C-alpha atoms as a PDB file:
ATOM      1  CA  MET A   1       0.000   0.000   0.000  1.00  0.00           C
ATOM      2  CA  LYS A   2       1.395   3.352  -0.998  1.00  0.00           C
ATOM      3  CA  ARG A   3       0.735   6.437   1.123  1.00  0.00           C
ATOM      4  CA  GLN A   4       0.295   9.944  -0.209  1.00  0.00           C
ATOM      5  CA  VAL A   5       1.891  12.955   1.441  1.00  0.00           C
ATOM      6  CA  LYS A   6      -0.287  16.053   1.179  1.00  0.00           C
ATOM      7  CA  PHE A   7       0.235  19.572   2.485  1.00  0.00           C
ATOM      8  CA  TYR A   8      -2.329  21.265   4.709  1.00  0.00           C
ATOM      9  CA  LYS A   9      -3.874  24.456   3.323  1.00  0.00           C
ATOM     10  CA  THR A  10      -5.338  27.238   5.453  1.00  0.00           C
ATOM     11  CA  GLN A  11      -8.831  28.614   4.847  1.00  0.00           C
ATOM     12  CA  GLU A  12      -7.149  31.496   3.006  1.00  0.00           C
ATOM     13  CA  GLY A  13      -5.466  29.002   0.659  1.00  0.00           C
ATOM     14  CA  ARG A  14      -1.946  29.367   2.102  1.00  0.00           C
ATOM     15  CA  CYS A  15       0.255  26.294   2.330  1.00  0.00           C
ATOM     16  CA  PRO A  16       2.529  26.652   5.397  1.00  0.00           C
ATOM     17  CA  VAL A  17       4.782  23.707   4.475  1.00  0.00           C
ATOM     18  CA  THR A  18       5.413  25.075   0.975  1.00  0.00           C
ATOM     19  CA  GLU A  19       6.167  28.487   2.491  1.00  0.00           C
ATOM     20  CA  PHE A  20       8.686  26.833   4.850  1.00  0.00           C
ATOM     21  CA  LEU A  21      10.336  24.903   1.995  1.00  0.00           C
ATOM     22  CA  ASP A  22      10.604  28.081  -0.098  1.00  0.00           C
ATOM     23  CA  LEU A  23      12.871  29.585   2.591  1.00  0.00           C
ATOM     24  CA  LEU A  24      15.368  26.705   2.500  1.00  0.00           C
ATOM     25  CA  PRO A  25      18.389  26.096   0.253  1.00  0.00           C
ATOM     26  CA  GLY A  26      17.750  23.807  -2.730  1.00  0.00           C
ATOM     27  CA  ARG A  27      20.031  21.062  -1.352  1.00  0.00           C
ATOM     28  CA  VAL A  28      17.965  20.893   1.849  1.00  0.00           C
ATOM     29  CA  VAL A  29      14.674  20.816  -0.079  1.00  0.00           C
ATOM     30  CA  LYS A  30      16.074  17.983  -2.211  1.00  0.00           C
ATOM     31  CA  LYS A  31      16.840  15.929   0.919  1.00  0.00           C
ATOM     32  CA  ILE A  32      13.426  16.714   2.424  1.00  0.00           C
ATOM     33  CA  THR A  33      11.785  15.576  -0.827  1.00  0.00           C
ATOM     34  CA  TRP A  34      13.805  12.347  -0.656  1.00  0.00           C
ATOM     35  CA  VAL A  35      12.708  11.713   2.952  1.00  0.00           C
ATOM     36  CA  LEU A  36       9.069  12.394   2.019  1.00  0.00           C
ATOM     37  CA  SER A  37       9.358   9.841  -0.795  1.00  0.00           C
ATOM     38  CA  LEU A  38      10.520   7.274   1.803  1.00  0.00           C
ATOM     39  CA  VAL A  39       7.488   8.146   3.932  1.00  0.00           C
ATOM     40  CA  GLU A  40       5.238   7.530   0.920  1.00  0.00           C
ATOM     41  CA  ASP A  41       6.918   4.366  -0.346  1.00  0.00           C
ATOM     42  CA  LEU A  42       8.148   2.334   2.639  1.00  0.00           C
ATOM     43  CA  GLU A  43       5.693   0.090   4.438  1.00  0.00           C
ATOM     44  CA  ILE A  44       7.574   0.589   7.710  1.00  0.00           C
ATOM     45  CA  ILE A  45       9.131   4.052   7.983  1.00  0.00           C
ATOM     46  CA  PRO A  46      12.375   4.152  10.028  1.00  0.00           C
ATOM     47  CA  THR A  47      11.991   6.338  13.138  1.00  0.00           C
ATOM     48  CA  LYS A  48      15.117   8.158  12.017  1.00  0.00           C
ATOM     49  CA  TYR A  49      12.863   9.834   9.428  1.00  0.00           C
ATOM     50  CA  TYR A  50       9.327   9.694  10.850  1.00  0.00           C
ATOM     51  CA  LYS A  51       8.292   9.354  14.470  1.00  0.00           C
ATOM     52  CA  LYS A  52       5.163   9.827  16.579  1.00  0.00           C
ATOM     53  CA  LEU A  53       5.533  12.584  19.158  1.00  0.00           C
ATOM     54  CA  LYS A  54       4.656  11.417  22.660  1.00  0.00           C
ATOM     55  CA  GLY A  55       1.945  13.289  24.527  1.00  0.00           C
ATOM     56  CA  THR A  56       0.318  14.643  21.353  1.00  0.00           C
ATOM     57  CA  ASP A  57      -2.931  14.060  19.488  1.00  0.00           C
ATOM     58  CA  SER A  58      -1.227  11.549  17.129  1.00  0.00           C
ATOM     59  CA  ILE A  59       1.136  14.129  15.662  1.00  0.00           C
ATOM     60  CA  TYR A  60       4.158  12.769  13.808  1.00  0.00           C
ATOM     61  CA  GLU A  61       7.475  14.420  13.091  1.00  0.00           C
ATOM     62  CA  CYS A  62       9.234  14.082   9.741  1.00  0.00           C
ATOM     63  CA  ARG A  63      12.916  14.329  10.618  1.00  0.00           C
ATOM     64  CA  ILE A  64      15.631  15.720   8.364  1.00  0.00           C
ATOM     65  CA  ASP A  65      19.206  16.349   9.497  1.00  0.00           C
ATOM     66  CA  MET A  66      21.670  17.997   7.141  1.00  0.00           C
ATOM     67  CA  ASP A  67      24.925  19.905   7.532  1.00  0.00           C
ATOM     68  CA  GLY A  68      24.518  20.125  11.304  1.00  0.00           C
ATOM     69  CA  ASN A  69      21.004  21.587  11.021  1.00  0.00           C
ATOM     70  CA  THR A  70      17.817  19.894  12.104  1.00  0.00           C
ATOM     71  CA  TYR A  71      14.610  20.389  10.104  1.00  0.00           C
ATOM     72  CA  ARG A  72      11.202  19.095  11.144  1.00  0.00           C
ATOM     73  CA  ILE A  73       7.839  18.914   9.440  1.00  0.00           C
ATOM     74  CA  LEU A  74       4.869  17.928  11.585  1.00  0.00           C
ATOM     75  CA  GLY A  75       1.751  16.161  10.420  1.00  0.00           C
ATOM     76  CA  PHE A  76      -0.715  13.352  10.975  1.00  0.00           C
ATOM     77  CA  PHE A  77      -2.201  10.294   9.342  1.00  0.00           C
ATOM     78  CA  TYR A  78      -5.628  10.714   7.807  1.00  0.00           C
ATOM     79  CA  GLY A  79      -7.089   7.293   7.156  1.00  0.00           C
ATOM     80  CA  ASN A  80      -4.683   4.658   5.905  1.00  0.00           C
ATOM     81  CA  GLU A  81      -3.602   6.380   2.715  1.00  0.00           C
ATOM     82  CA  PHE A  82      -2.782   9.991   3.539  1.00  0.00           C
ATOM     83  CA  ILE A  83      -0.256  11.850   5.618  1.00  0.00           C
ATOM     84  CA  ILE A  84      -1.142  15.514   5.993  1.00  0.00           C
ATOM     85  CA  LEU A  85       1.831  17.767   6.746  1.00  0.00           C
ATOM     86  CA  THR A  86       0.866  20.886   8.669  1.00  0.00           C
ATOM     87  CA  ASN A  87       3.955  22.961   9.502  1.00  0.00           C
ATOM     88  CA  GLY A  88       7.728  22.987   9.263  1.00  0.00           C
ATOM     89  CA  PHE A  89      10.507  24.573  11.277  1.00  0.00           C
ATOM     90  CA  MET A  90      14.202  24.455  12.007  1.00  0.00           C
ATOM     91  CA  LYS A  91      14.762  22.716  15.316  1.00  0.00           C
ATOM     92  CA  LYS A  92      17.181  24.492  17.634  1.00  0.00           C
ATOM     93  CA  THR A  93      16.763  22.458  20.847  1.00  0.00           C
ATOM     94  CA  THR A  94      16.410  18.781  21.696  1.00  0.00           C
ATOM     95  CA  LYS A  95      12.681  19.164  22.363  1.00  0.00           C
ATOM     96  CA  THR A  96      10.107  19.941  19.715  1.00  0.00           C
ATOM     97  CA  PRO A  97       8.689  23.393  20.522  1.00  0.00           C
ATOM     98  CA  LYS A  98       5.276  23.200  22.179  1.00  0.00           C
ATOM     99  CA  THR A  99       4.001  26.012  19.955  1.00  0.00           C
ATOM    100  CA  GLU A 100       4.777  23.983  16.823  1.00  0.00           C
ATOM    101  CA  ILE A 101       2.950  20.938  18.245  1.00  0.00           C
ATOM    102  CA  GLU A 102      -0.047  23.131  19.116  1.00  0.00           C
ATOM    103  CA  ILE A 103      -0.128  24.482  15.540  1.00  0.00           C
ATOM    104  CA  ALA A 104      -0.107  20.925  14.149  1.00  0.00           C
ATOM    105  CA  GLU A 105      -2.860  19.778  16.540  1.00  0.00           C
ATOM    106  CA  ARG A 106      -5.042  22.819  15.728  1.00  0.00           C
ATOM    107  CA  ARG A 107      -4.618  22.279  11.987  1.00  0.00           C
ATOM    108  CA  LYS A 108      -5.422  18.595  12.399  1.00  0.00           C
ATOM    109  CA  ARG A 109      -8.695  19.470  14.178  1.00  0.00           C
ATOM    110  CA  GLU A 110      -9.580  22.024  11.468  1.00  0.00           C
ATOM    111  CA  PHE A 111      -8.772  19.517   8.718  1.00  0.00           C
ATOM    112  CA  VAL A 112     -10.942  16.786  10.259  1.00  0.00           C
ATOM    113  CA  GLU A 113     -13.785  19.269  10.913  1.00  0.00           C
ATOM    114  CA  LYS A 114     -13.687  20.300   7.224  1.00  0.00           C
ATOM    115  CA  GLY A 115     -14.163  16.653   6.287  1.00  0.00           C
ATOM    116  CA  GLY A 116     -10.595  16.011   5.242  1.00  0.00           C
ATOM    117  CA  LYS A 117     -10.299  18.526   2.440  1.00  0.00           C
ATOM    118  CA  VAL A 118      -6.756  19.604   1.474  1.00  0.00           C
END
């Protein structure tokens, strides 16, 4: 079974993950794209690249490390086929910022309330 990675869109039509990617160097975006293809294609995704965050409403963290920098994109599973990515950031501490988790959880609620429309 192949999964599909989709990006969350706000009610105004903005795509926060695309906006985050647009700020990054091309080499980093290329690696992120490669990691997202693993998330789509592998039946079991290594936790090095994709991991559930404890104490959250089933929020997962897509993990990319490159050149000493740590990039994260948060999201959630929607059904068995879709992973909806909600927000991205550069991680500067060992813990995922609570504000980023709250953004992902709020966007997940909004997405589900809208009936799963991207």
